[in-house]
């Protein structure tokens, strides 16, 4: 997956500025690669988000059903979250970055809530 963007930084004391001014200079960066942990985390979020759009109620008793497709998608999302967490720890010397920990915990809570909703008899 490729990302494009612009990085801004402040240039101080350059030839075009007086002593105390700072001017914002933009520098474009292209073809930056997303790390494997971020890709896996994105896949996990997409799988969990897909449960909001699709469903397949499976009858387990007369008049009672669970959402089998949501449960399956959430399990796959949990597997991708685990793979992403391992990759993040491997890339950063055994400690995932703070943004990743926050996003991972939020996704884990979403998966847990979704799994309870999917497996609650209706």
PDB file of N, CA and C in Angstrom:
ATOM      1  N   UNK A   1       0.846  -1.161   0.000  1.00  0.00           N
ATOM      2  CA  UNK A   1       0.000   0.000   0.000  1.00  0.00           C
ATOM      3  C   UNK A   1       0.894   1.227   0.000  1.00  0.00           C
ATOM      4  N   UNK A   2       0.592   2.192  -0.822  1.00  0.00           N
ATOM      5  CA  UNK A   2       1.423   3.366  -0.928  1.00  0.00           C
ATOM      6  C   UNK A   2       0.689   4.583  -0.387  1.00  0.00           C
ATOM      7  N   UNK A   3       1.435   5.459   0.211  1.00  0.00           N
ATOM      8  CA  UNK A   3       0.895   6.686   0.759  1.00  0.00           C
ATOM      9  C   UNK A   3       1.570   7.874   0.098  1.00  0.00           C
ATOM     10  N   UNK A   4       0.860   8.936  -0.067  1.00  0.00           N
ATOM     11  CA  UNK A   4       1.442  10.184  -0.560  1.00  0.00           C
ATOM     12  C   UNK A   4       1.041  11.285   0.397  1.00  0.00           C
ATOM     13  N   UNK A   5       1.884  12.271   0.551  1.00  0.00           N
ATOM     14  CA  UNK A   5       1.550  13.364   1.440  1.00  0.00           C
ATOM     15  C   UNK A   5       2.569  14.472   1.351  1.00  0.00           C
ATOM     16  N   UNK A   6       2.416  15.444   2.209  1.00  0.00           N
ATOM     17  CA  UNK A   6       3.333  16.572   2.261  1.00  0.00           C
ATOM     18  C   UNK A   6       3.793  16.727   3.695  1.00  0.00           C
ATOM     19  N   UNK A   7       5.086  16.881   3.868  1.00  0.00           N
ATOM     20  CA  UNK A   7       5.668  17.101   5.183  1.00  0.00           C
ATOM     21  C   UNK A   7       6.030  18.569   5.274  1.00  0.00           C
ATOM     22  N   UNK A   8       5.623  19.224   6.363  1.00  0.00           N
ATOM     23  CA  UNK A   8       5.952  20.629   6.553  1.00  0.00           C
ATOM     24  C   UNK A   8       6.936  20.760   7.709  1.00  0.00           C
ATOM     25  N   UNK A   9       7.874  21.641   7.549  1.00  0.00           N
ATOM     26  CA  UNK A   9       8.798  21.925   8.626  1.00  0.00           C
ATOM     27  C   UNK A   9       9.105  23.418   8.607  1.00  0.00           C
ATOM     28  N   UNK A  10       9.633  23.914   9.692  1.00  0.00           N
ATOM     29  CA  UNK A  10       9.938  25.342   9.806  1.00  0.00           C
ATOM     30  C   UNK A  10      11.417  25.531   9.524  1.00  0.00           C
ATOM     31  N   UNK A  11      11.709  26.436   8.595  1.00  0.00           N
ATOM     32  CA  UNK A  11      13.089  26.734   8.240  1.00  0.00           C
ATOM     33  C   UNK A  11      13.488  28.007   8.970  1.00  0.00           C
ATOM     34  N   UNK A  12      14.503  27.941   9.742  1.00  0.00           N
ATOM     35  CA  UNK A  12      14.953  29.098  10.529  1.00  0.00           C
ATOM     36  C   UNK A  12      16.279  29.617   9.976  1.00  0.00           C
ATOM     37  N   UNK A  13      16.400  30.912  10.010  1.00  0.00           N
ATOM     38  CA  UNK A  13      17.644  31.594   9.640  1.00  0.00           C
ATOM     39  C   UNK A  13      18.162  31.181   8.260  1.00  0.00           C
ATOM     40  N   UNK A  14      17.281  31.080   7.314  1.00  0.00           N
ATOM     41  CA  UNK A  14      17.726  30.763   5.959  1.00  0.00           C
ATOM     42  C   UNK A  14      18.079  32.059   5.233  1.00  0.00           C
ATOM     43  N   UNK A  15      18.554  31.930   4.034  1.00  0.00           N
ATOM     44  CA  UNK A  15      18.953  33.098   3.254  1.00  0.00           C
ATOM     45  C   UNK A  15      17.764  34.001   2.955  1.00  0.00           C
ATOM     46  N   UNK A  16      16.580  33.426   2.823  1.00  0.00           N
ATOM     47  CA  UNK A  16      15.400  34.189   2.451  1.00  0.00           C
ATOM     48  C   UNK A  16      14.661  34.785   3.642  1.00  0.00           C
ATOM     49  N   UNK A  17      15.115  34.541   4.843  1.00  0.00           N
ATOM     50  CA  UNK A  17      14.426  35.031   6.037  1.00  0.00           C
ATOM     51  C   UNK A  17      15.342  35.957   6.821  1.00  0.00           C
ATOM     52  N   UNK A  18      14.721  36.836   7.588  1.00  0.00           N
ATOM     53  CA  UNK A  18      15.514  37.636   8.517  1.00  0.00           C
ATOM     54  C   UNK A  18      15.888  36.741   9.689  1.00  0.00           C
ATOM     55  N   UNK A  19      16.551  37.269  10.658  1.00  0.00           N
ATOM     56  CA  UNK A  19      17.082  36.450  11.746  1.00  0.00           C
ATOM     57  C   UNK A  19      16.012  35.693  12.529  1.00  0.00           C
ATOM     58  N   UNK A  20      14.926  36.363  12.869  1.00  0.00           N
ATOM     59  CA  UNK A  20      13.954  35.764  13.772  1.00  0.00           C
ATOM     60  C   UNK A  20      12.755  35.151  13.083  1.00  0.00           C
ATOM     61  N   UNK A  21      12.692  35.207  11.780  1.00  0.00           N
ATOM     62  CA  UNK A  21      11.482  34.677  11.150  1.00  0.00           C
ATOM     63  C   UNK A  21      11.619  33.179  10.923  1.00  0.00           C
ATOM     64  N   UNK A  22      10.528  32.517  10.833  1.00  0.00           N
ATOM     65  CA  UNK A  22      10.512  31.106  10.474  1.00  0.00           C
ATOM     66  C   UNK A  22       9.535  30.940   9.331  1.00  0.00           C
ATOM     67  N   UNK A  23       9.929  30.267   8.301  1.00  0.00           N
ATOM     68  CA  UNK A  23       9.004  30.097   7.185  1.00  0.00           C
ATOM     69  C   UNK A  23       8.713  28.620   7.036  1.00  0.00           C
ATOM     70  N   UNK A  24       7.479  28.322   6.711  1.00  0.00           N
ATOM     71  CA  UNK A  24       7.050  26.938   6.548  1.00  0.00           C
ATOM     72  C   UNK A  24       7.385  26.502   5.135  1.00  0.00           C
ATOM     73  N   UNK A  25       8.080  25.403   5.052  1.00  0.00           N
ATOM     74  CA  UNK A  25       8.497  24.871   3.762  1.00  0.00           C
ATOM     75  C   UNK A  25       7.865  23.503   3.594  1.00  0.00           C
ATOM     76  N   UNK A  26       7.260  23.256   2.450  1.00  0.00           N
ATOM     77  CA  UNK A  26       6.648  21.953   2.182  1.00  0.00           C
ATOM     78  C   UNK A  26       7.575  21.086   1.366  1.00  0.00           C
ATOM     79  N   UNK A  27       7.607  19.832   1.687  1.00  0.00           N
ATOM     80  CA  UNK A  27       8.401  18.876   0.935  1.00  0.00           C
ATOM     81  C   UNK A  27       7.533  17.640   0.726  1.00  0.00           C
ATOM     82  N   UNK A  28       7.317  17.263  -0.498  1.00  0.00           N
ATOM     83  CA  UNK A  28       6.442  16.119  -0.799  1.00  0.00           C
ATOM     84  C   UNK A  28       7.206  14.821  -0.625  1.00  0.00           C
ATOM     85  N   UNK A  29       6.523  13.806  -0.164  1.00  0.00           N
ATOM     86  CA  UNK A  29       7.098  12.468  -0.105  1.00  0.00           C
ATOM     87  C   UNK A  29       6.125  11.517  -0.764  1.00  0.00           C
ATOM     88  N   UNK A  30       6.630  10.634  -1.548  1.00  0.00           N
ATOM     89  CA  UNK A  30       5.817   9.694  -2.307  1.00  0.00           C
ATOM     90  C   UNK A  30       6.357   8.284  -2.137  1.00  0.00           C
ATOM     91  N   UNK A  31       5.523   7.333  -2.434  1.00  0.00           N
ATOM     92  CA  UNK A  31       5.896   5.921  -2.422  1.00  0.00           C
ATOM     93  C   UNK A  31       6.404   5.454  -1.066  1.00  0.00           C
ATOM     94  N   UNK A  32       5.909   6.061  -0.004  1.00  0.00           N
ATOM     95  CA  UNK A  32       6.262   5.587   1.325  1.00  0.00           C
ATOM     96  C   UNK A  32       5.481   4.303   1.582  1.00  0.00           C
ATOM     97  N   UNK A  33       6.115   3.315   2.066  1.00  0.00           N
ATOM     98  CA  UNK A  33       5.468   2.026   2.309  1.00  0.00           C
ATOM     99  C   UNK A  33       4.874   1.988   3.705  1.00  0.00           C
ATOM    100  N   UNK A  34       3.691   1.393   3.794  1.00  0.00           N
ATOM    101  CA  UNK A  34       3.054   1.184   5.079  1.00  0.00           C
ATOM    102  C   UNK A  34       3.686  -0.053   5.711  1.00  0.00           C
ATOM    103  N   UNK A  35       3.947  -0.013   6.991  1.00  0.00           N
ATOM    104  CA  UNK A  35       4.546  -1.171   7.645  1.00  0.00           C
ATOM    105  C   UNK A  35       3.530  -2.311   7.719  1.00  0.00           C
ATOM    106  N   UNK A  36       4.041  -3.518   7.872  1.00  0.00           N
ATOM    107  CA  UNK A  36       3.163  -4.690   7.870  1.00  0.00           C
ATOM    108  C   UNK A  36       2.188  -4.674   9.039  1.00  0.00           C
ATOM    109  N   UNK A  37       2.604  -4.122  10.170  1.00  0.00           N
ATOM    110  CA  UNK A  37       1.687  -4.058  11.307  1.00  0.00           C
ATOM    111  C   UNK A  37       0.515  -3.127  11.022  1.00  0.00           C
ATOM    112  N   UNK A  38       0.767  -2.018  10.358  1.00  0.00           N
ATOM    113  CA  UNK A  38      -0.309  -1.082  10.034  1.00  0.00           C
ATOM    114  C   UNK A  38      -1.264  -1.680   9.003  1.00  0.00           C
ATOM    115  N   UNK A  39      -0.735  -2.426   8.044  1.00  0.00           N
ATOM    116  CA  UNK A  39      -1.585  -3.070   7.040  1.00  0.00           C
ATOM    117  C   UNK A  39      -2.489  -4.104   7.700  1.00  0.00           C
ATOM    118  N   UNK A  40      -1.929  -4.933   8.564  1.00  0.00           N
ATOM    119  CA  UNK A  40      -2.725  -5.950   9.261  1.00  0.00           C
ATOM    120  C   UNK A  40      -3.777  -5.308  10.152  1.00  0.00           C
ATOM    121  N   UNK A  41      -3.427  -4.210  10.813  1.00  0.00           N
ATOM    122  CA  UNK A  41      -4.389  -3.508  11.658  1.00  0.00           C
ATOM    123  C   UNK A  41      -5.517  -2.923  10.809  1.00  0.00           C
ATOM    124  N   UNK A  42      -5.177  -2.384   9.653  1.00  0.00           N
ATOM    125  CA  UNK A  42      -6.185  -1.851   8.743  1.00  0.00           C
ATOM    126  C   UNK A  42      -7.124  -2.955   8.259  1.00  0.00           C
ATOM    127  N   UNK A  43      -6.571  -4.104   7.928  1.00  0.00           N
ATOM    128  CA  UNK A  43      -7.402  -5.244   7.502  1.00  0.00           C
ATOM    129  C   UNK A  43      -8.341  -5.658   8.631  1.00  0.00           C
ATOM    130  N   UNK A  44      -7.826  -5.692   9.855  1.00  0.00           N
ATOM    131  CA  UNK A  44      -8.658  -6.059  11.001  1.00  0.00           C
ATOM    132  C   UNK A  44      -9.804  -5.063  11.191  1.00  0.00           C
ATOM    133  N   UNK A  45      -9.513  -3.770  11.063  1.00  0.00           N
ATOM    134  CA  UNK A  45     -10.564  -2.754  11.174  1.00  0.00           C
ATOM    135  C   UNK A  45     -11.601  -2.917  10.067  1.00  0.00           C
ATOM    136  N   UNK A  46     -11.145  -3.190   8.849  1.00  0.00           N
ATOM    137  CA  UNK A  46     -12.074  -3.366   7.731  1.00  0.00           C
ATOM    138  C   UNK A  46     -12.971  -4.584   7.930  1.00  0.00           C
ATOM    139  N   UNK A  47     -12.411  -5.687   8.404  1.00  0.00           N
ATOM    140  CA  UNK A  47     -13.225  -6.879   8.661  1.00  0.00           C
ATOM    141  C   UNK A  47     -14.254  -6.628   9.755  1.00  0.00           C
ATOM    142  N   UNK A  48     -13.834  -5.939  10.804  1.00  0.00           N
ATOM    143  CA  UNK A  48     -14.780  -5.617  11.880  1.00  0.00           C
ATOM    144  C   UNK A  48     -15.850  -4.650  11.381  1.00  0.00           C
ATOM    145  N   UNK A  49     -15.467  -3.702  10.546  1.00  0.00           N
ATOM    146  CA  UNK A  49     -16.426  -2.752   9.998  1.00  0.00           C
ATOM    147  C   UNK A  49     -17.402  -3.389   9.034  1.00  0.00           C
ATOM    148  N   UNK A  50     -16.959  -4.436   8.359  1.00  0.00           N
ATOM    149  CA  UNK A  50     -17.822  -5.139   7.408  1.00  0.00           C
ATOM    150  C   UNK A  50     -19.022  -5.768   8.105  1.00  0.00           C
ATOM    151  N   UNK A  51     -18.892  -6.067   9.374  1.00  0.00           N
ATOM    152  CA  UNK A  51     -20.007  -6.678  10.110  1.00  0.00           C
ATOM    153  C   UNK A  51     -21.187  -5.719  10.240  1.00  0.00           C
ATOM    154  N   UNK A  52     -20.927  -4.419  10.091  1.00  0.00           N
ATOM    155  CA  UNK A  52     -22.024  -3.448  10.140  1.00  0.00           C
ATOM    156  C   UNK A  52     -22.867  -3.493   8.876  1.00  0.00           C
ATOM    157  N   UNK A  53     -22.307  -4.020   7.794  1.00  0.00           N
ATOM    158  CA  UNK A  53     -22.986  -4.013   6.500  1.00  0.00           C
ATOM    159  C   UNK A  53     -23.617  -5.347   6.117  1.00  0.00           C
ATOM    160  N   UNK A  54     -23.047  -6.448   6.581  1.00  0.00           N
ATOM    161  CA  UNK A  54     -23.524  -7.768   6.158  1.00  0.00           C
ATOM    162  C   UNK A  54     -23.921  -8.605   7.369  1.00  0.00           C
ATOM    163  N   UNK A  55     -24.668  -9.637   7.109  1.00  0.00           N
ATOM    164  CA  UNK A  55     -25.059 -10.558   8.158  1.00  0.00           C
ATOM    165  C   UNK A  55     -25.702 -11.797   7.570  1.00  0.00           C
ATOM    166  N   UNK A  56     -25.614 -12.893   8.303  1.00  0.00           N
ATOM    167  CA  UNK A  56     -26.238 -14.130   7.885  1.00  0.00           C
ATOM    168  C   UNK A  56     -26.792 -14.804   9.130  1.00  0.00           C
ATOM    169  N   UNK A  57     -28.070 -14.533   9.445  1.00  0.00           N
ATOM    170  CA  UNK A  57     -28.641 -15.152  10.637  1.00  0.00           C
ATOM    171  C   UNK A  57     -28.802 -16.657  10.447  1.00  0.00           C
ATOM    172  N   UNK A  58     -28.290 -17.418  11.389  1.00  0.00           N
ATOM    173  CA  UNK A  58     -28.390 -18.874  11.337  1.00  0.00           C
ATOM    174  C   UNK A  58     -29.285 -19.322  12.495  1.00  0.00           C
ATOM    175  N   UNK A  59     -30.317 -20.067  12.149  1.00  0.00           N
ATOM    176  CA  UNK A  59     -31.271 -20.513  13.158  1.00  0.00           C
ATOM    177  C   UNK A  59     -30.677 -21.666  13.960  1.00  0.00           C
ATOM    178  N   UNK A  60     -30.648 -21.510  15.277  1.00  0.00           N
ATOM    179  CA  UNK A  60     -30.117 -22.554  16.159  1.00  0.00           C
ATOM    180  C   UNK A  60     -31.219 -23.256  16.939  1.00  0.00           C
ATOM    181  N   UNK A  61     -32.362 -22.657  16.989  1.00  0.00           N
ATOM    182  CA  UNK A  61     -33.541 -23.233  17.632  1.00  0.00           C
ATOM    183  C   UNK A  61     -34.750 -22.602  16.951  1.00  0.00           C
ATOM    184  N   UNK A  62     -35.908 -23.208  17.077  1.00  0.00           N
ATOM    185  CA  UNK A  62     -37.079 -22.600  16.431  1.00  0.00           C
ATOM    186  C   UNK A  62     -37.304 -21.166  16.906  1.00  0.00           C
ATOM    187  N   UNK A  63     -37.206 -20.239  15.965  1.00  0.00           N
ATOM    188  CA  UNK A  63     -37.410 -18.833  16.284  1.00  0.00           C
ATOM    189  C   UNK A  63     -36.220 -18.140  16.915  1.00  0.00           C
ATOM    190  N   UNK A  64     -35.091 -18.809  17.065  1.00  0.00           N
ATOM    191  CA  UNK A  64     -33.880 -18.237  17.690  1.00  0.00           C
ATOM    192  C   UNK A  64     -32.730 -18.330  16.695  1.00  0.00           C
ATOM    193  N   UNK A  65     -31.995 -17.247  16.518  1.00  0.00           N
ATOM    194  CA  UNK A  65     -30.910 -17.231  15.538  1.00  0.00           C
ATOM    195  C   UNK A  65     -29.714 -16.448  16.071  1.00  0.00           C
ATOM    196  N   UNK A  66     -28.540 -16.782  15.551  1.00  0.00           N
ATOM    197  CA  UNK A  66     -27.309 -16.028  15.801  1.00  0.00           C
ATOM    198  C   UNK A  66     -26.782 -15.567  14.441  1.00  0.00           C
ATOM    199  N   UNK A  67     -25.951 -14.557  14.440  1.00  0.00           N
ATOM    200  CA  UNK A  67     -25.387 -14.053  13.191  1.00  0.00           C
ATOM    201  C   UNK A  67     -24.049 -14.735  12.937  1.00  0.00           C
ATOM    202  N   UNK A  68     -24.070 -15.786  12.141  1.00  0.00           N
ATOM    203  CA  UNK A  68     -22.880 -16.603  11.904  1.00  0.00           C
ATOM    204  C   UNK A  68     -21.825 -15.854  11.091  1.00  0.00           C
ATOM    205  N   UNK A  69     -22.231 -15.063  10.110  1.00  0.00           N
ATOM    206  CA  UNK A  69     -21.265 -14.351   9.283  1.00  0.00           C
ATOM    207  C   UNK A  69     -20.520 -13.287  10.091  1.00  0.00           C
ATOM    208  N   UNK A  70     -21.236 -12.569  10.926  1.00  0.00           N
ATOM    209  CA  UNK A  70     -20.574 -11.573  11.774  1.00  0.00           C
ATOM    210  C   UNK A  70     -19.569 -12.240  12.706  1.00  0.00           C
ATOM    211  N   UNK A  71     -19.947 -13.357  13.295  1.00  0.00           N
ATOM    212  CA  UNK A  71     -19.035 -14.070  14.198  1.00  0.00           C
ATOM    213  C   UNK A  71     -17.780 -14.509  13.451  1.00  0.00           C
ATOM    214  N   UNK A  72     -17.937 -15.031  12.240  1.00  0.00           N
ATOM    215  CA  UNK A  72     -16.789 -15.457  11.444  1.00  0.00           C
ATOM    216  C   UNK A  72     -15.890 -14.265  11.095  1.00  0.00           C
ATOM    217  N   UNK A  73     -16.486 -13.154  10.639  1.00  0.00           N
ATOM    218  CA  UNK A  73     -15.692 -11.974  10.286  1.00  0.00           C
ATOM    219  C   UNK A  73     -14.954 -11.415  11.499  1.00  0.00           C
ATOM    220  N   UNK A  74     -15.580 -11.457  12.651  1.00  0.00           N
ATOM    221  CA  UNK A  74     -14.933 -10.947  13.858  1.00  0.00           C
ATOM    222  C   UNK A  74     -13.785 -11.846  14.304  1.00  0.00           C
ATOM    223  N   UNK A  75     -13.916 -13.145  14.122  1.00  0.00           N
ATOM    224  CA  UNK A  75     -12.806 -14.052  14.431  1.00  0.00           C
ATOM    225  C   UNK A  75     -11.631 -13.758  13.502  1.00  0.00           C
ATOM    226  N   UNK A  76     -11.903 -13.558  12.206  1.00  0.00           N
ATOM    227  CA  UNK A  76     -10.837 -13.226  11.257  1.00  0.00           C
ATOM    228  C   UNK A  76     -10.209 -11.872  11.602  1.00  0.00           C
ATOM    229  N   UNK A  77     -11.011 -10.932  12.064  1.00  0.00           N
ATOM    230  CA  UNK A  77     -10.497  -9.640  12.489  1.00  0.00           C
ATOM    231  C   UNK A  77      -9.582  -9.792  13.699  1.00  0.00           C
ATOM    232  N   UNK A  78      -9.970 -10.649  14.628  1.00  0.00           N
ATOM    233  CA  UNK A  78      -9.147 -10.903  15.807  1.00  0.00           C
ATOM    234  C   UNK A  78      -7.823 -11.563  15.435  1.00  0.00           C
ATOM    235  N   UNK A  79      -7.843 -12.467  14.479  1.00  0.00           N
ATOM    236  CA  UNK A  79      -6.605 -13.106  14.000  1.00  0.00           C
ATOM    237  C   UNK A  79      -5.688 -12.048  13.385  1.00  0.00           C
ATOM    238  N   UNK A  80      -6.245 -11.155  12.562  1.00  0.00           N
ATOM    239  CA  UNK A  80      -5.431 -10.098  11.953  1.00  0.00           C
ATOM    240  C   UNK A  80      -4.891  -9.136  13.003  1.00  0.00           C
ATOM    241  N   UNK A  81      -5.673  -8.856  14.032  1.00  0.00           N
ATOM    242  CA  UNK A  81      -5.196  -8.001  15.115  1.00  0.00           C
ATOM    243  C   UNK A  81      -4.011  -8.654  15.813  1.00  0.00           C
ATOM    244  N   UNK A  82      -4.100  -9.938  16.045  1.00  0.00           N
ATOM    245  CA  UNK A  82      -2.989 -10.658  16.696  1.00  0.00           C
ATOM    246  C   UNK A  82      -1.732 -10.640  15.828  1.00  0.00           C
ATOM    247  N   UNK A  83      -1.891 -10.860  14.527  1.00  0.00           N
ATOM    248  CA  UNK A  83      -0.745 -10.804  13.611  1.00  0.00           C
ATOM    249  C   UNK A  83      -0.136  -9.401  13.585  1.00  0.00           C
ATOM    250  N   UNK A  84      -0.999  -8.385  13.585  1.00  0.00           N
ATOM    251  CA  UNK A  84      -0.515  -7.006  13.583  1.00  0.00           C
ATOM    252  C   UNK A  84       0.247  -6.687  14.864  1.00  0.00           C
ATOM    253  N   UNK A  85      -0.271  -7.174  15.995  1.00  0.00           N
ATOM    254  CA  UNK A  85       0.369  -6.898  17.280  1.00  0.00           C
ATOM    255  C   UNK A  85       1.752  -7.550  17.328  1.00  0.00           C
ATOM    256  N   UNK A  86       1.854  -8.786  16.834  1.00  0.00           N
ATOM    257  CA  UNK A  86       3.156  -9.451  16.782  1.00  0.00           C
ATOM    258  C   UNK A  86       4.127  -8.699  15.879  1.00  0.00           C
ATOM    259  N   UNK A  87       3.646  -8.233  14.721  1.00  0.00           N
ATOM    260  CA  UNK A  87       4.502  -7.483  13.794  1.00  0.00           C
ATOM    261  C   UNK A  87       4.957  -6.164  14.411  1.00  0.00           C
ATOM    262  N   UNK A  88       4.055  -5.473  15.103  1.00  0.00           N
ATOM    263  CA  UNK A  88       4.415  -4.196  15.730  1.00  0.00           C
ATOM    264  C   UNK A  88       5.460  -4.398  16.818  1.00  0.00           C
ATOM    265  N   UNK A  89       5.326  -5.453  17.599  1.00  0.00           N
ATOM    266  CA  UNK A  89       6.309  -5.736  18.640  1.00  0.00           C
ATOM    267  C   UNK A  89       7.641  -6.142  18.038  1.00  0.00           C
ATOM    268  N   UNK A  90       7.613  -6.869  16.924  1.00  0.00           N
ATOM    269  CA  UNK A  90       8.848  -7.299  16.284  1.00  0.00           C
ATOM    270  C   UNK A  90       9.611  -6.157  15.636  1.00  0.00           C
ATOM    271  N   UNK A  91       8.900  -5.177  15.108  1.00  0.00           N
ATOM    272  CA  UNK A  91       9.554  -4.057  14.433  1.00  0.00           C
ATOM    273  C   UNK A  91      10.167  -3.061  15.398  1.00  0.00           C
ATOM    274  N   UNK A  92       9.624  -2.965  16.582  1.00  0.00           N
ATOM    275  CA  UNK A  92      10.041  -1.915  17.510  1.00  0.00           C
ATOM    276  C   UNK A  92      10.737  -2.449  18.755  1.00  0.00           C
ATOM    277  N   UNK A  93      11.424  -3.531  18.627  1.00  0.00           N
ATOM    278  CA  UNK A  93      12.195  -4.048  19.756  1.00  0.00           C
ATOM    279  C   UNK A  93      11.368  -4.548  20.908  1.00  0.00           C
ATOM    280  N   UNK A  94      10.213  -5.118  20.640  1.00  0.00           N
ATOM    281  CA  UNK A  94       9.407  -5.704  21.686  1.00  0.00           C
ATOM    282  C   UNK A  94       8.356  -4.802  22.274  1.00  0.00           C
ATOM    283  N   UNK A  95       8.219  -3.589  21.752  1.00  0.00           N
ATOM    284  CA  UNK A  95       7.197  -2.686  22.280  1.00  0.00           C
ATOM    285  C   UNK A  95       6.509  -1.984  21.124  1.00  0.00           C
ATOM    286  N   UNK A  96       5.202  -2.148  21.051  1.00  0.00           N
ATOM    287  CA  UNK A  96       4.412  -1.510  19.990  1.00  0.00           C
ATOM    288  C   UNK A  96       4.315  -0.015  20.265  1.00  0.00           C
ATOM    289  N   UNK A  97       4.230   0.813  19.200  1.00  0.00           N
ATOM    290  CA  UNK A  97       4.074   2.257  19.397  1.00  0.00           C
ATOM    291  C   UNK A  97       2.750   2.592  20.090  1.00  0.00           C
ATOM    292  N   UNK A  98       2.711   3.746  20.732  1.00  0.00           N
ATOM    293  CA  UNK A  98       1.531   4.145  21.505  1.00  0.00           C
ATOM    294  C   UNK A  98       0.281   4.245  20.636  1.00  0.00           C
ATOM    295  N   UNK A  99       0.387   4.786  19.428  1.00  0.00           N
ATOM    296  CA  UNK A  99      -0.778   4.894  18.551  1.00  0.00           C
ATOM    297  C   UNK A  99      -1.321   3.515  18.217  1.00  0.00           C
ATOM    298  N   UNK A 100      -0.424   2.549  18.076  1.00  0.00           N
ATOM    299  CA  UNK A 100      -0.842   1.194  17.736  1.00  0.00           C
ATOM    300  C   UNK A 100      -1.542   0.535  18.915  1.00  0.00           C
ATOM    301  N   UNK A 101      -1.013   0.732  20.106  1.00  0.00           N
ATOM    302  CA  UNK A 101      -1.626   0.160  21.308  1.00  0.00           C
ATOM    303  C   UNK A 101      -3.037   0.717  21.478  1.00  0.00           C
ATOM    304  N   UNK A 102      -3.195   2.017  21.318  1.00  0.00           N
ATOM    305  CA  UNK A 102      -4.521   2.634  21.444  1.00  0.00           C
ATOM    306  C   UNK A 102      -5.503   2.105  20.412  1.00  0.00           C
ATOM    307  N   UNK A 103      -5.062   2.059  19.152  1.00  0.00           N
ATOM    308  CA  UNK A 103      -5.935   1.556  18.087  1.00  0.00           C
ATOM    309  C   UNK A 103      -6.239   0.077  18.275  1.00  0.00           C
ATOM    310  N   UNK A 104      -5.246  -0.686  18.710  1.00  0.00           N
ATOM    311  CA  UNK A 104      -5.450  -2.119  18.935  1.00  0.00           C
ATOM    312  C   UNK A 104      -6.428  -2.402  20.060  1.00  0.00           C
ATOM    313  N   UNK A 105      -6.313  -1.654  21.137  1.00  0.00           N
ATOM    314  CA  UNK A 105      -7.240  -1.849  22.262  1.00  0.00           C
ATOM    315  C   UNK A 105      -8.655  -1.429  21.893  1.00  0.00           C
ATOM    316  N   UNK A 106      -8.778  -0.347  21.135  1.00  0.00           N
ATOM    317  CA  UNK A 106     -10.091   0.085  20.660  1.00  0.00           C
ATOM    318  C   UNK A 106     -10.715  -0.978  19.751  1.00  0.00           C
ATOM    319  N   UNK A 107      -9.920  -1.537  18.858  1.00  0.00           N
ATOM    320  CA  UNK A 107     -10.409  -2.590  17.973  1.00  0.00           C
ATOM    321  C   UNK A 107     -10.776  -3.844  18.760  1.00  0.00           C
ATOM    322  N   UNK A 108      -9.982  -4.206  19.748  1.00  0.00           N
ATOM    323  CA  UNK A 108     -10.285  -5.382  20.562  1.00  0.00           C
ATOM    324  C   UNK A 108     -11.621  -5.208  21.297  1.00  0.00           C
ATOM    325  N   UNK A 109     -11.875  -4.010  21.802  1.00  0.00           N
ATOM    326  CA  UNK A 109     -13.156  -3.737  22.471  1.00  0.00           C
ATOM    327  C   UNK A 109     -14.309  -3.828  21.474  1.00  0.00           C
ATOM    328  N   UNK A 110     -14.100  -3.298  20.271  1.00  0.00           N
ATOM    329  CA  UNK A 110     -15.123  -3.354  19.227  1.00  0.00           C
ATOM    330  C   UNK A 110     -15.403  -4.807  18.832  1.00  0.00           C
ATOM    331  N   UNK A 111     -14.359  -5.612  18.723  1.00  0.00           N
ATOM    332  CA  UNK A 111     -14.526  -7.024  18.377  1.00  0.00           C
ATOM    333  C   UNK A 111     -15.302  -7.747  19.481  1.00  0.00           C
ATOM    334  N   UNK A 112     -14.946  -7.500  20.727  1.00  0.00           N
ATOM    335  CA  UNK A 112     -15.638  -8.156  21.839  1.00  0.00           C
ATOM    336  C   UNK A 112     -17.118  -7.785  21.863  1.00  0.00           C
ATOM    337  N   UNK A 113     -17.422  -6.494  21.703  1.00  0.00           N
ATOM    338  CA  UNK A 113     -18.810  -6.048  21.679  1.00  0.00           C
ATOM    339  C   UNK A 113     -19.558  -6.663  20.497  1.00  0.00           C
ATOM    340  N   UNK A 114     -18.930  -6.659  19.329  1.00  0.00           N
ATOM    341  CA  UNK A 114     -19.557  -7.240  18.138  1.00  0.00           C
ATOM    342  C   UNK A 114     -19.807  -8.725  18.270  1.00  0.00           C
ATOM    343  N   UNK A 115     -18.871  -9.436  18.909  1.00  0.00           N
ATOM    344  CA  UNK A 115     -19.041 -10.879  19.085  1.00  0.00           C
ATOM    345  C   UNK A 115     -20.194 -11.176  20.042  1.00  0.00           C
ATOM    346  N   UNK A 116     -20.333 -10.376  21.081  1.00  0.00           N
ATOM    347  CA  UNK A 116     -21.469 -10.553  21.996  1.00  0.00           C
ATOM    348  C   UNK A 116     -22.776 -10.316  21.255  1.00  0.00           C
ATOM    349  N   UNK A 117     -22.809  -9.268  20.431  1.00  0.00           N
ATOM    350  CA  UNK A 117     -24.010  -8.972  19.650  1.00  0.00           C
ATOM    351  C   UNK A 117     -24.320 -10.077  18.640  1.00  0.00           C
ATOM    352  N   UNK A 118     -23.278 -10.608  18.003  1.00  0.00           N
ATOM    353  CA  UNK A 118     -23.480 -11.628  16.967  1.00  0.00           C
ATOM    354  C   UNK A 118     -23.964 -12.949  17.553  1.00  0.00           C
ATOM    355  N   UNK A 119     -23.482 -13.282  18.749  1.00  0.00           N
ATOM    356  CA  UNK A 119     -23.826 -14.600  19.314  1.00  0.00           C
ATOM    357  C   UNK A 119     -24.967 -14.547  20.314  1.00  0.00           C
ATOM    358  N   UNK A 120     -25.553 -13.396  20.535  1.00  0.00           N
ATOM    359  CA  UNK A 120     -26.733 -13.299  21.386  1.00  0.00           C
ATOM    360  C   UNK A 120     -27.934 -13.815  20.611  1.00  0.00           C
ATOM    361  N   UNK A 121     -28.669 -14.737  21.176  1.00  0.00           N
ATOM    362  CA  UNK A 121     -29.843 -15.293  20.495  1.00  0.00           C
ATOM    363  C   UNK A 121     -30.872 -14.206  20.274  1.00  0.00           C
ATOM    364  N   UNK A 122     -31.448 -14.232  19.090  1.00  0.00           N
ATOM    365  CA  UNK A 122     -32.485 -13.243  18.751  1.00  0.00           C
ATOM    366  C   UNK A 122     -33.790 -13.937  18.521  1.00  0.00           C
TER     367      UNK A 122
END
